[in-house]
Full PDB file with SEQRES, HELIX, SHEET, SSBOND, CRYST1, ORIGX, SCALE, CONECT and MASTER records, all heavy atoms in Angstrom:
SEQRES   1 A   43  LEU GLY ALA VAL ASP LEU LEU LYS LEU LEU SER THR VAL          
SEQRES   2 A   43  THR VAL THR LYS ALA ASP GLY PHE SER SER LYS VAL LYS          
SEQRES   3 A   43  THR ILE ASN ALA PHE THR GLY PHE PHE ALA ARG GLN LEU          
SEQRES   4 A   43  TRP ALA THR TYR                                              
HELIX    1 AA1 ALA A    3  SER A   11  1                                   9    
HELIX    2 AA2 PHE A   21  THR A   42  1                                  22    
CRYST1    1.000    1.000    1.000  90.00  90.00  90.00 P 1           1          
ORIGX1      1.000000  0.000000  0.000000        0.00000                         
ORIGX2      0.000000  1.000000  0.000000        0.00000                         
ORIGX3      0.000000  0.000000  1.000000        0.00000                         
SCALE1      1.000000  0.000000  0.000000        0.00000                         
SCALE2      0.000000  1.000000  0.000000        0.00000                         
SCALE3      0.000000  0.000000  1.000000        0.00000                         
ATOM      1  N   LEU A   1    -154.456 -77.303-100.680  1.00  0.00           N  
ATOM      2  CA  LEU A   1    -153.968 -78.558-101.245  1.00  0.00           C  
ATOM      3  C   LEU A   1    -154.094 -78.475-102.751  1.00  0.00           C  
ATOM      4  O   LEU A   1    -155.197 -78.379-103.288  1.00  0.00           O  
ATOM      5  CB  LEU A   1    -154.795 -79.738-100.698  1.00  0.00           C  
ATOM      6  CG  LEU A   1    -154.451 -81.121-101.219  1.00  0.00           C  
ATOM      7  CD1 LEU A   1    -153.152 -81.628-100.593  1.00  0.00           C  
ATOM      8  CD2 LEU A   1    -155.594 -82.095-100.912  1.00  0.00           C  
ATOM      9  N   GLY A   2    -152.960 -78.506-103.441  1.00  0.00           N  
ATOM     10  CA  GLY A   2    -152.985 -78.429-104.892  1.00  0.00           C  
ATOM     11  C   GLY A   2    -153.294 -79.768-105.535  1.00  0.00           C  
ATOM     12  O   GLY A   2    -153.301 -80.812-104.883  1.00  0.00           O  
ATOM     13  N   ALA A   3    -153.543 -79.739-106.840  1.00  0.00           N  
ATOM     14  CA  ALA A   3    -153.872 -80.968-107.567  1.00  0.00           C  
ATOM     15  C   ALA A   3    -152.726 -81.971-107.499  1.00  0.00           C  
ATOM     16  O   ALA A   3    -152.945 -83.170-107.315  1.00  0.00           O  
ATOM     17  CB  ALA A   3    -154.203 -80.635-109.024  1.00  0.00           C  
ATOM     18  N   VAL A   4    -151.494 -81.477-107.633  1.00  0.00           N  
ATOM     19  CA  VAL A   4    -150.331 -82.373-107.546  1.00  0.00           C  
ATOM     20  C   VAL A   4    -150.220 -82.957-106.150  1.00  0.00           C  
ATOM     21  O   VAL A   4    -149.928 -84.143-105.964  1.00  0.00           O  
ATOM     22  CB  VAL A   4    -149.042 -81.617-107.925  1.00  0.00           C  
ATOM     23  CG1 VAL A   4    -147.816 -82.492-107.696  1.00  0.00           C  
ATOM     24  CG2 VAL A   4    -149.111 -81.155-109.381  1.00  0.00           C  
ATOM     25  N   ASP A   5    -150.473 -82.129-105.120  1.00  0.00           N  
ATOM     26  CA  ASP A   5    -150.421 -82.601-103.737  1.00  0.00           C  
ATOM     27  C   ASP A   5    -151.491 -83.660-103.479  1.00  0.00           C  
ATOM     28  O   ASP A   5    -151.275 -84.598-102.702  1.00  0.00           O  
ATOM     29  CB  ASP A   5    -150.602 -81.431-102.766  1.00  0.00           C  
ATOM     30  CG  ASP A   5    -149.457 -80.433-102.837  1.00  0.00           C  
ATOM     31  OD1 ASP A   5    -148.301 -80.890-102.940  1.00  0.00           O  
ATOM     32  OD2 ASP A   5    -149.724 -79.218-102.826  1.00  0.00           O  
ATOM     33  N   LEU A   6    -152.659 -83.507-104.131  1.00  0.00           N  
ATOM     34  CA  LEU A   6    -153.718 -84.497-103.972  1.00  0.00           C  
ATOM     35  C   LEU A   6    -153.282 -85.849-104.539  1.00  0.00           C  
ATOM     36  O   LEU A   6    -153.535 -86.896-103.943  1.00  0.00           O  
ATOM     37  CB  LEU A   6    -155.000 -84.028-104.669  1.00  0.00           C  
ATOM     38  CG  LEU A   6    -156.170 -85.025-104.648  1.00  0.00           C  
ATOM     39  CD1 LEU A   6    -156.590 -85.320-103.206  1.00  0.00           C  
ATOM     40  CD2 LEU A   6    -157.355 -84.478-105.442  1.00  0.00           C  
ATOM     41  N   LEU A   7    -152.619 -85.829-105.680  1.00  0.00           N  
ATOM     42  CA  LEU A   7    -152.120 -87.074-106.263  1.00  0.00           C  
ATOM     43  C   LEU A   7    -151.088 -87.724-105.343  1.00  0.00           C  
ATOM     44  O   LEU A   7    -151.078 -88.954-105.176  1.00  0.00           O  
ATOM     45  CB  LEU A   7    -151.517 -86.803-107.643  1.00  0.00           C  
ATOM     46  CG  LEU A   7    -152.505 -86.358-108.734  1.00  0.00           C  
ATOM     47  CD1 LEU A   7    -151.748 -86.017-110.015  1.00  0.00           C  
ATOM     48  CD2 LEU A   7    -153.550 -87.443-109.007  1.00  0.00           C  
ATOM     49  N   LYS A   8    -150.229 -86.908-104.734  1.00  0.00           N  
ATOM     50  CA  LYS A   8    -149.262 -87.440-103.783  1.00  0.00           C  
ATOM     51  C   LYS A   8    -149.968 -88.044-102.578  1.00  0.00           C  
ATOM     52  O   LYS A   8    -149.564 -89.091-102.063  1.00  0.00           O  
ATOM     53  CB  LYS A   8    -148.311 -86.324-103.333  1.00  0.00           C  
ATOM     54  CG  LYS A   8    -147.350 -85.857-104.421  1.00  0.00           C  
ATOM     55  CD  LYS A   8    -146.440 -84.762-103.883  1.00  0.00           C  
ATOM     56  CE  LYS A   8    -145.460 -84.269-104.953  1.00  0.00           C  
ATOM     57  NZ  LYS A   8    -144.581 -83.178-104.444  1.00  0.00           N  
ATOM     58  N   LEU A   9    -151.032 -87.369-102.124  1.00  0.00           N  
ATOM     59  CA  LEU A   9    -151.805 -87.879-100.989  1.00  0.00           C  
ATOM     60  C   LEU A   9    -152.334 -89.274-101.293  1.00  0.00           C  
ATOM     61  O   LEU A   9    -152.209 -90.203-100.479  1.00  0.00           O  
ATOM     62  CB  LEU A   9    -152.945 -86.920-100.664  1.00  0.00           C  
ATOM     63  CG  LEU A   9    -153.870 -87.227 -99.482  1.00  0.00           C  
ATOM     64  CD1 LEU A   9    -154.572 -85.942 -99.022  1.00  0.00           C  
ATOM     65  CD2 LEU A   9    -154.947 -88.266 -99.811  1.00  0.00           C  
ATOM     66  N   LEU A  10    -152.924 -89.435-102.462  1.00  0.00           N  
ATOM     67  CA  LEU A  10    -153.519 -90.723-102.820  1.00  0.00           C  
ATOM     68  C   LEU A  10    -152.469 -91.831-102.861  1.00  0.00           C  
ATOM     69  O   LEU A  10    -152.749 -92.989-102.523  1.00  0.00           O  
ATOM     70  CB  LEU A  10    -154.220 -90.612-104.175  1.00  0.00           C  
ATOM     71  CG  LEU A  10    -155.433 -89.669-104.224  1.00  0.00           C  
ATOM     72  CD1 LEU A  10    -155.957 -89.544-105.646  1.00  0.00           C  
ATOM     73  CD2 LEU A  10    -156.533 -90.162-103.286  1.00  0.00           C  
ATOM     74  N   SER A  11    -151.245 -91.471-103.235  1.00  0.00           N  
ATOM     75  CA  SER A  11    -150.188 -92.480-103.316  1.00  0.00           C  
ATOM     76  C   SER A  11    -149.679 -92.902-101.949  1.00  0.00           C  
ATOM     77  O   SER A  11    -148.982 -93.919-101.827  1.00  0.00           O  
ATOM     78  CB  SER A  11    -149.020 -91.944-104.154  1.00  0.00           C  
ATOM     79  OG  SER A  11    -148.344 -90.895-103.473  1.00  0.00           O  
ATOM     80  N   THR A  12    -150.019 -92.132-100.899  1.00  0.00           N  
ATOM     81  CA  THR A  12    -149.531 -92.456 -99.552  1.00  0.00           C  
ATOM     82  C   THR A  12    -150.547 -93.230 -98.722  1.00  0.00           C  
ATOM     83  O   THR A  12    -150.240 -93.607 -97.583  1.00  0.00           O  
ATOM     84  CB  THR A  12    -149.165 -91.178 -98.788  1.00  0.00           C  
ATOM     85  OG1 THR A  12    -150.355 -90.397 -98.535  1.00  0.00           O  
ATOM     86  CG2 THR A  12    -148.165 -90.334 -99.563  1.00  0.00           C  
ATOM     87  N   VAL A  13    -151.732 -93.469 -99.249  1.00  0.00           N  
ATOM     88  CA  VAL A  13    -152.771 -94.156 -98.481  1.00  0.00           C  
ATOM     89  C   VAL A  13    -152.331 -95.586 -98.186  1.00  0.00           C  
ATOM     90  O   VAL A  13    -152.006 -96.353 -99.094  1.00  0.00           O  
ATOM     91  CB  VAL A  13    -154.110 -94.155 -99.229  1.00  0.00           C  
ATOM     92  CG1 VAL A  13    -155.142 -95.011 -98.472  1.00  0.00           C  
ATOM     93  CG2 VAL A  13    -154.626 -92.733 -99.398  1.00  0.00           C  
ATOM     94  N   THR A  14    -152.293 -95.951 -96.909  1.00  0.00           N  
ATOM     95  CA  THR A  14    -151.958 -97.313 -96.501  1.00  0.00           C  
ATOM     96  C   THR A  14    -152.961 -97.798 -95.479  1.00  0.00           C  
ATOM     97  O   THR A  14    -153.520 -97.010 -94.708  1.00  0.00           O  
ATOM     98  CB  THR A  14    -150.542 -97.387 -95.896  1.00  0.00           C  
ATOM     99  OG1 THR A  14    -150.453 -96.467 -94.788  1.00  0.00           O  
ATOM    100  CG2 THR A  14    -149.481 -97.037 -96.918  1.00  0.00           C  
ATOM    101  N   VAL A  15    -153.195 -99.086 -95.481  1.00  0.00           N  
ATOM    102  CA  VAL A  15    -154.093 -99.706 -94.509  1.00  0.00           C  
ATOM    103  C   VAL A  15    -153.242-100.304 -93.397  1.00  0.00           C  
ATOM    104  O   VAL A  15    -152.266-101.019 -93.660  1.00  0.00           O  
ATOM    105  CB  VAL A  15    -154.961-100.786 -95.167  1.00  0.00           C  
ATOM    106  CG1 VAL A  15    -155.829-101.488 -94.128  1.00  0.00           C  
ATOM    107  CG2 VAL A  15    -155.829-100.160 -96.250  1.00  0.00           C  
ATOM    108  N   THR A  16    -153.590-100.016 -92.150  1.00  0.00           N  
ATOM    109  CA  THR A  16    -152.843-100.519 -91.006  1.00  0.00           C  
ATOM    110  C   THR A  16    -153.548-101.720 -90.391  1.00  0.00           C  
ATOM    111  O   THR A  16    -154.775-101.798 -90.382  1.00  0.00           O  
ATOM    112  CB  THR A  16    -152.671 -99.426 -89.943  1.00  0.00           C  
ATOM    113  OG1 THR A  16    -153.959 -98.957 -89.522  1.00  0.00           O  
ATOM    114  CG2 THR A  16    -151.883 -98.253 -90.504  1.00  0.00           C  
ATOM    115  N   LYS A  17    -152.744-102.646 -89.889  1.00  0.00           N  
ATOM    116  CA  LYS A  17    -153.234-103.837 -89.180  1.00  0.00           C  
ATOM    117  C   LYS A  17    -154.121-104.712 -90.047  1.00  0.00           C  
ATOM    118  O   LYS A  17    -155.014-105.392 -89.546  1.00  0.00           O  
ATOM    119  CB  LYS A  17    -153.992-103.440 -87.901  1.00  0.00           C  
ATOM    120  CG  LYS A  17    -153.192-102.588 -86.938  1.00  0.00           C  
ATOM    121  CD  LYS A  17    -154.027-102.196 -85.740  1.00  0.00           C  
ATOM    122  CE  LYS A  17    -153.282-101.244 -84.834  1.00  0.00           C  
ATOM    123  NZ  LYS A  17    -154.107-100.791 -83.696  1.00  0.00           N  
ATOM    124  N   ALA A  18    -153.913-104.686 -91.345  1.00  0.00           N  
ATOM    125  CA  ALA A  18    -154.730-105.499 -92.245  1.00  0.00           C  
ATOM    126  C   ALA A  18    -154.235-106.930 -92.265  1.00  0.00           C  
ATOM    127  O   ALA A  18    -153.035-107.186 -92.270  1.00  0.00           O  
ATOM    128  CB  ALA A  18    -154.714-104.920 -93.647  1.00  0.00           C  
ATOM    129  N   ASP A  19    -155.142-107.870 -92.282  1.00  0.00           N  
ATOM    130  CA  ASP A  19    -154.802-109.282 -92.355  1.00  0.00           C  
ATOM    131  C   ASP A  19    -155.134-109.791 -93.754  1.00  0.00           C  
ATOM    132  O   ASP A  19    -156.160-110.430 -93.986  1.00  0.00           O  
ATOM    133  CB  ASP A  19    -155.577-110.067 -91.292  1.00  0.00           C  
ATOM    134  CG  ASP A  19    -155.166-111.542 -91.261  1.00  0.00           C  
ATOM    135  OD1 ASP A  19    -154.103-111.857 -91.814  1.00  0.00           O  
ATOM    136  OD2 ASP A  19    -155.917-112.350 -90.684  1.00  0.00           O  
ATOM    137  N   GLY A  20    -154.282-109.463 -94.702  1.00  0.00           N  
ATOM    138  CA  GLY A  20    -154.489-109.931 -96.062  1.00  0.00           C  
ATOM    139  C   GLY A  20    -155.041-108.864 -96.983  1.00  0.00           C  
ATOM    140  O   GLY A  20    -155.485-107.789 -96.572  1.00  0.00           O  
ATOM    141  N   PHE A  21    -155.033-109.186 -98.275  1.00  0.00           N  
ATOM    142  CA  PHE A  21    -155.439-108.233 -99.315  1.00  0.00           C  
ATOM    143  C   PHE A  21    -156.911-107.857 -99.209  1.00  0.00           C  
ATOM    144  O   PHE A  21    -157.271-106.687 -99.354  1.00  0.00           O  
ATOM    145  CB  PHE A  21    -155.153-108.849-100.692  1.00  0.00           C  
ATOM    146  CG  PHE A  21    -155.566-107.961-101.836  1.00  0.00           C  
ATOM    147  CD1 PHE A  21    -154.825-106.836-102.171  1.00  0.00           C  
ATOM    148  CD2 PHE A  21    -156.706-108.248-102.578  1.00  0.00           C  
ATOM    149  CE1 PHE A  21    -155.207-106.021-103.225  1.00  0.00           C  
ATOM    150  CE2 PHE A  21    -157.090-107.442-103.633  1.00  0.00           C  
ATOM    151  CZ  PHE A  21    -156.342-106.321-103.958  1.00  0.00           C  
ATOM    152  N   SER A  22    -157.767-108.834 -98.947  1.00  0.00           N  
ATOM    153  CA  SER A  22    -159.205-108.541 -98.884  1.00  0.00           C  
ATOM    154  C   SER A  22    -159.531-107.576 -97.755  1.00  0.00           C  
ATOM    155  O   SER A  22    -160.414-106.721 -97.889  1.00  0.00           O  
ATOM    156  CB  SER A  22    -160.001-109.840 -98.703  1.00  0.00           C  
ATOM    157  OG  SER A  22    -159.658-110.480 -97.482  1.00  0.00           O  
ATOM    158  N   SER A  23    -158.801-107.697 -96.652  1.00  0.00           N  
ATOM    159  CA  SER A  23    -159.019-106.785 -95.530  1.00  0.00           C  
ATOM    160  C   SER A  23    -158.645-105.363 -95.918  1.00  0.00           C  
ATOM    161  O   SER A  23    -159.335-104.399 -95.544  1.00  0.00           O  
ATOM    162  CB  SER A  23    -158.190-107.241 -94.327  1.00  0.00           C  
ATOM    163  OG  SER A  23    -158.332-106.346 -93.248  1.00  0.00           O  
ATOM    164  N   LYS A  24    -157.558-105.211 -96.684  1.00  0.00           N  
ATOM    165  CA  LYS A  24    -157.153-103.882 -97.143  1.00  0.00           C  
ATOM    166  C   LYS A  24    -158.215-103.271 -98.046  1.00  0.00           C  
ATOM    167  O   LYS A  24    -158.564-102.093 -97.916  1.00  0.00           O  
ATOM    168  CB  LYS A  24    -155.818-103.972 -97.881  1.00  0.00           C  
ATOM    169  CG  LYS A  24    -154.633-104.320 -97.003  1.00  0.00           C  
ATOM    170  CD  LYS A  24    -153.343-104.319 -97.823  1.00  0.00           C  
ATOM    171  CE  LYS A  24    -152.144-104.630 -96.943  1.00  0.00           C  
ATOM    172  NZ  LYS A  24    -150.868-104.626 -97.687  1.00  0.00           N  
ATOM    173  N   VAL A  25    -158.731-104.092 -98.963  1.00  0.00           N  
ATOM    174  CA  VAL A  25    -159.742-103.596 -99.896  1.00  0.00           C  
ATOM    175  C   VAL A  25    -160.998-103.148 -99.142  1.00  0.00           C  
ATOM    176  O   VAL A  25    -161.569-102.084 -99.423  1.00  0.00           O  
ATOM    177  CB  VAL A  25    -160.084-104.679-100.933  1.00  0.00           C  
ATOM    178  CG1 VAL A  25    -161.279-104.243-101.785  1.00  0.00           C  
ATOM    179  CG2 VAL A  25    -158.881-104.967-101.827  1.00  0.00           C  
ATOM    180  N   LYS A  26    -161.439-103.935 -98.172  1.00  0.00           N  
ATOM    181  CA  LYS A  26    -162.628-103.590 -97.408  1.00  0.00           C  
ATOM    182  C   LYS A  26    -162.442-102.284 -96.643  1.00  0.00           C  
ATOM    183  O   LYS A  26    -163.357-101.456 -96.568  1.00  0.00           O  
ATOM    184  CB  LYS A  26    -162.974-104.728 -96.431  1.00  0.00           C  
ATOM    185  CG  LYS A  26    -163.513-105.984 -97.103  1.00  0.00           C  
ATOM    186  CD  LYS A  26    -163.812-107.053 -96.062  1.00  0.00           C  
ATOM    187  CE  LYS A  26    -164.345-108.323 -96.727  1.00  0.00           C  
ATOM    188  NZ  LYS A  26    -164.605-109.395 -95.738  1.00  0.00           N  
ATOM    189  N   THR A  27    -161.255-102.094 -96.084  1.00  0.00           N  
ATOM    190  CA  THR A  27    -160.994-100.880 -95.310  1.00  0.00           C  
ATOM    191  C   THR A  27    -160.997 -99.643 -96.201  1.00  0.00           C  
ATOM    192  O   THR A  27    -161.598 -98.613 -95.864  1.00  0.00           O  
ATOM    193  CB  THR A  27    -159.642-101.001 -94.582  1.00  0.00           C  
ATOM    194  OG1 THR A  27    -159.668-102.153 -93.733  1.00  0.00           O  
ATOM    195  CG2 THR A  27    -159.367 -99.767 -93.744  1.00  0.00           C  
ATOM    196  N   ILE A  28    -160.324 -99.731 -97.336  1.00  0.00           N  
ATOM    197  CA  ILE A  28    -160.299 -98.598 -98.268  1.00  0.00           C  
ATOM    198  C   ILE A  28    -161.698 -98.305 -98.796  1.00  0.00           C  
ATOM    199  O   ILE A  28    -162.108 -97.138 -98.895  1.00  0.00           O  
ATOM    200  CB  ILE A  28    -159.321 -98.878 -99.426  1.00  0.00           C  
ATOM    201  CG1 ILE A  28    -157.884 -98.891 -98.897  1.00  0.00           C  
ATOM    202  CG2 ILE A  28    -159.466 -97.832-100.526  1.00  0.00           C  
ATOM    203  CD1 ILE A  28    -156.847 -99.269 -99.921  1.00  0.00           C  
ATOM    204  N   ASN A  29    -162.445 -99.359 -99.105  1.00  0.00           N  
ATOM    205  CA  ASN A  29    -163.821 -99.165 -99.582  1.00  0.00           C  
ATOM    206  C   ASN A  29    -164.691 -98.506 -98.513  1.00  0.00           C  
ATOM    207  O   ASN A  29    -165.544 -97.665 -98.823  1.00  0.00           O  
ATOM    208  CB  ASN A  29    -164.430-100.493-100.006  1.00  0.00           C  
ATOM    209  CG  ASN A  29    -163.869-101.002-101.322  1.00  0.00           C  
ATOM    210  OD1 ASN A  29    -163.257-100.239-102.075  1.00  0.00           O  
ATOM    211  ND2 ASN A  29    -164.073-102.274-101.614  1.00  0.00           N  
ATOM    212  N   ALA A  30    -164.491 -98.895 -97.246  1.00  0.00           N  
ATOM    213  CA  ALA A  30    -165.270 -98.303 -96.156  1.00  0.00           C  
ATOM    214  C   ALA A  30    -164.989 -96.808 -96.038  1.00  0.00           C  
ATOM    215  O   ALA A  30    -165.903 -95.996 -95.864  1.00  0.00           O  
ATOM    216  CB  ALA A  30    -164.961 -99.011 -94.845  1.00  0.00           C  
ATOM    217  N   PHE A  31    -163.716 -96.437 -96.158  1.00  0.00           N  
ATOM    218  CA  PHE A  31    -163.354 -95.022 -96.034  1.00  0.00           C  
ATOM    219  C   PHE A  31    -163.852 -94.205 -97.220  1.00  0.00           C  
ATOM    220  O   PHE A  31    -164.465 -93.140 -97.045  1.00  0.00           O  
ATOM    221  CB  PHE A  31    -161.835 -94.868 -95.906  1.00  0.00           C  
ATOM    222  CG  PHE A  31    -161.387 -93.442 -95.779  1.00  0.00           C  
ATOM    223  CD1 PHE A  31    -161.557 -92.753 -94.592  1.00  0.00           C  
ATOM    224  CD2 PHE A  31    -160.810 -92.783 -96.857  1.00  0.00           C  
ATOM    225  CE1 PHE A  31    -161.142 -91.429 -94.468  1.00  0.00           C  
ATOM    226  CE2 PHE A  31    -160.400 -91.469 -96.752  1.00  0.00           C  
ATOM    227  CZ  PHE A  31    -160.571 -90.789 -95.549  1.00  0.00           C  
ATOM    228  N   THR A  32    -163.605 -94.701 -98.424  1.00  0.00           N  
ATOM    229  CA  THR A  32    -164.037 -93.949 -99.606  1.00  0.00           C  
ATOM    230  C   THR A  32    -165.560 -93.865 -99.676  1.00  0.00           C  
ATOM    231  O   THR A  32    -166.112 -92.847-100.103  1.00  0.00           O  
ATOM    232  CB  THR A  32    -163.492 -94.597-100.888  1.00  0.00           C  
ATOM    233  OG1 THR A  32    -163.864 -95.983-100.939  1.00  0.00           O  
ATOM    234  CG2 THR A  32    -161.980 -94.503-100.934  1.00  0.00           C  
ATOM    235  N   GLY A  33    -166.234 -94.928 -99.242  1.00  0.00           N  
ATOM    236  CA  GLY A  33    -167.699 -94.899 -99.217  1.00  0.00           C  
ATOM    237  C   GLY A  33    -168.217 -93.859 -98.242  1.00  0.00           C  
ATOM    238  O   GLY A  33    -169.151 -93.097 -98.558  1.00  0.00           O  
ATOM    239  N   PHE A  34    -167.614 -93.814 -97.037  1.00  0.00           N  
ATOM    240  CA  PHE A  34    -167.997 -92.806 -96.046  1.00  0.00           C  
ATOM    241  C   PHE A  34    -167.750 -91.403 -96.585  1.00  0.00           C  
ATOM    242  O   PHE A  34    -168.615 -90.513 -96.478  1.00  0.00           O  
ATOM    243  CB  PHE A  34    -167.204 -93.027 -94.761  1.00  0.00           C  
ATOM    244  CG  PHE A  34    -167.201 -91.849 -93.832  1.00  0.00           C  
ATOM    245  CD1 PHE A  34    -168.321 -91.530 -93.084  1.00  0.00           C  
ATOM    246  CD2 PHE A  34    -166.076 -91.046 -93.713  1.00  0.00           C  
ATOM    247  CE1 PHE A  34    -168.325 -90.428 -92.229  1.00  0.00           C  
ATOM    248  CE2 PHE A  34    -166.064 -89.949 -92.862  1.00  0.00           C  
ATOM    249  CZ  PHE A  34    -167.186 -89.650 -92.125  1.00  0.00           C  
ATOM    250  N   PHE A  35    -166.574 -91.173 -97.174  1.00  0.00           N  
ATOM    251  CA  PHE A  35    -166.222 -89.856 -97.688  1.00  0.00           C  
ATOM    252  C   PHE A  35    -167.189 -89.430 -98.796  1.00  0.00           C  
ATOM    253  O   PHE A  35    -167.676 -88.296 -98.818  1.00  0.00           O  
ATOM    254  CB  PHE A  35    -164.781 -89.894 -98.230  1.00  0.00           C  
ATOM    255  CG  PHE A  35    -164.172 -88.544 -98.432  1.00  0.00           C  
ATOM    256  CD1 PHE A  35    -163.546 -87.881 -97.393  1.00  0.00           C  
ATOM    257  CD2 PHE A  35    -164.219 -87.916 -99.667  1.00  0.00           C  
ATOM    258  CE1 PHE A  35    -162.980 -86.628 -97.569  1.00  0.00           C  
ATOM    259  CE2 PHE A  35    -163.656 -86.659 -99.861  1.00  0.00           C  
ATOM    260  CZ  PHE A  35    -163.031 -86.012 -98.801  1.00  0.00           C  
ATOM    261  N   ALA A  36    -167.496 -90.361 -99.693  1.00  0.00           N  
ATOM    262  CA  ALA A  36    -168.390 -90.041-100.814  1.00  0.00           C  
ATOM    263  C   ALA A  36    -169.801 -89.729-100.322  1.00  0.00           C  
ATOM    264  O   ALA A  36    -170.465 -88.815-100.833  1.00  0.00           O  
ATOM    265  CB  ALA A  36    -168.422 -91.208-101.800  1.00  0.00           C  
ATOM    266  N   ARG A  37    -170.261 -90.461 -99.309  1.00  0.00           N  
ATOM    267  CA  ARG A  37    -171.614 -90.208 -98.776  1.00  0.00           C  
ATOM    268  C   ARG A  37    -171.705 -88.825 -98.152  1.00  0.00           C  
ATOM    269  O   ARG A  37    -172.717 -88.128 -98.299  1.00  0.00           O  
ATOM    270  CB  ARG A  37    -171.984 -91.279 -97.746  1.00  0.00           C  
ATOM    271  CG  ARG A  37    -172.275 -92.643 -98.340  1.00  0.00           C  
ATOM    272  CD  ARG A  37    -172.930 -93.569 -97.318  1.00  0.00           C  
ATOM    273  NE  ARG A  37    -172.084 -93.799 -96.152  1.00  0.00           N  
ATOM    274  CZ  ARG A  37    -171.157 -94.745 -96.064  1.00  0.00           C  
ATOM    275  NH1 ARG A  37    -170.945 -95.557 -97.113  1.00  0.00           N  
ATOM    276  NH2 ARG A  37    -170.445 -94.907 -94.973  1.00  0.00           N  
ATOM    277  N   GLN A  38    -170.639 -88.430 -97.461  1.00  0.00           N  
ATOM    278  CA  GLN A  38    -170.651 -87.108 -96.839  1.00  0.00           C  
ATOM    279  C   GLN A  38    -170.668 -85.997 -97.897  1.00  0.00           C  
ATOM    280  O   GLN A  38    -171.393 -85.004 -97.770  1.00  0.00           O  
ATOM    281  CB  GLN A  38    -169.425 -86.956 -95.935  1.00  0.00           C  
ATOM    282  CG  GLN A  38    -169.395 -87.903 -94.751  1.00  0.00           C  
ATOM    283  CD  GLN A  38    -170.550 -87.667 -93.792  1.00  0.00           C  
ATOM    284  OE1 GLN A  38    -170.901 -86.546 -93.465  1.00  0.00           O  
ATOM    285  NE2 GLN A  38    -171.169 -88.755 -93.351  1.00  0.00           N  
ATOM    286  N   LEU A  39    -169.878 -86.176 -98.954  1.00  0.00           N  
ATOM    287  CA  LEU A  39    -169.871 -85.180-100.022  1.00  0.00           C  
ATOM    288  C   LEU A  39    -171.203 -85.139-100.751  1.00  0.00           C  
ATOM    289  O   LEU A  39    -171.702 -84.063-101.113  1.00  0.00           O  
ATOM    290  CB  LEU A  39    -168.743 -85.486-101.008  1.00  0.00           C  
ATOM    291  CG  LEU A  39    -167.303 -85.343-100.477  1.00  0.00           C  
ATOM    292  CD1 LEU A  39    -166.307 -85.674-101.576  1.00  0.00           C  
ATOM    293  CD2 LEU A  39    -167.051 -83.937 -99.944  1.00  0.00           C  
ATOM    294  N   TRP A  40    -171.790 -86.291-100.984  1.00  0.00           N  
ATOM    295  CA  TRP A  40    -173.089 -86.355-101.654  1.00  0.00           C  
ATOM    296  C   TRP A  40    -174.147 -85.619-100.833  1.00  0.00           C  
ATOM    297  O   TRP A  40    -174.944 -84.840-101.378  1.00  0.00           O  
ATOM    298  CB  TRP A  40    -173.489 -87.809-101.871  1.00  0.00           C  
ATOM    299  CG  TRP A  40    -174.822 -87.976-102.553  1.00  0.00           C  
ATOM    300  CD1 TRP A  40    -176.054 -88.041-101.975  1.00  0.00           C  
ATOM    301  CD2 TRP A  40    -175.048 -88.071-103.968  1.00  0.00           C  
ATOM    302  NE1 TRP A  40    -177.041 -88.185-102.913  1.00  0.00           N  
ATOM    303  CE2 TRP A  40    -176.454 -88.206-104.150  1.00  0.00           C  
ATOM    304  CE3 TRP A  40    -174.228 -88.065-105.082  1.00  0.00           C  
ATOM    305  CZ2 TRP A  40    -177.040 -88.327-105.406  1.00  0.00           C  
ATOM    306  CZ3 TRP A  40    -174.805 -88.191-106.337  1.00  0.00           C  
ATOM    307  CH2 TRP A  40    -176.189 -88.318-106.493  1.00  0.00           C  
ATOM    308  N   ALA A  41    -174.140 -85.869 -99.503  1.00  0.00           N  
ATOM    309  CA  ALA A  41    -175.130 -85.218 -98.640  1.00  0.00           C  
ATOM    310  C   ALA A  41    -174.927 -83.709 -98.605  1.00  0.00           C  
ATOM    311  O   ALA A  41    -175.893 -82.938 -98.482  1.00  0.00           O  
ATOM    312  CB  ALA A  41    -175.039 -85.789 -97.225  1.00  0.00           C  
ATOM    313  N   THR A  42    -173.684 -83.268 -98.723  1.00  0.00           N  
ATOM    314  CA  THR A  42    -173.384 -81.839 -98.615  1.00  0.00           C  
ATOM    315  C   THR A  42    -173.645 -81.084 -99.911  1.00  0.00           C  
ATOM    316  O   THR A  42    -174.222 -79.989 -99.904  1.00  0.00           O  
ATOM    317  CB  THR A  42    -171.907 -81.633 -98.212  1.00  0.00           C  
ATOM    318  OG1 THR A  42    -171.665 -82.304 -96.970  1.00  0.00           O  
ATOM    319  CG2 THR A  42    -171.585 -80.144 -98.058  1.00  0.00           C  
ATOM    320  N   TYR A  43    -173.265 -81.668-101.049  1.00  0.00           N  
ATOM    321  CA  TYR A  43    -173.280 -80.903-102.295  1.00  0.00           C  
ATOM    322  C   TYR A  43    -174.317 -81.356-103.322  1.00  0.00           C  
ATOM    323  O   TYR A  43    -174.541 -80.642-104.301  1.00  0.00           O  
ATOM    324  CB  TYR A  43    -171.889 -80.966-102.947  1.00  0.00           C  
ATOM    325  CG  TYR A  43    -170.813 -80.315-102.122  1.00  0.00           C  
ATOM    326  CD1 TYR A  43    -169.841 -81.079-101.484  1.00  0.00           C  
ATOM    327  CD2 TYR A  43    -170.762 -78.935-101.973  1.00  0.00           C  
ATOM    328  CE1 TYR A  43    -168.838 -80.486-100.723  1.00  0.00           C  
ATOM    329  CE2 TYR A  43    -169.768 -78.329-101.214  1.00  0.00           C  
ATOM    330  CZ  TYR A  43    -168.817 -79.111-100.589  1.00  0.00           C  
ATOM    331  OH  TYR A  43    -167.847 -78.518 -99.838  1.00  0.00           O  
TER     332      TYR A  43                                                      
MASTER        0    0    0    2    0    0    0    6  331    1    0    4          
END                                                                             
């Protein structure tokens, strides 16, 4: 995955079945928080 492809990936992130803006924010925060914790624990 190249740097340009990573930027494209980030632009495609969508939240499914969200009921309003706050629900979308919570879902994205939950995913990024999980991902960051895993990277922190690993590296």
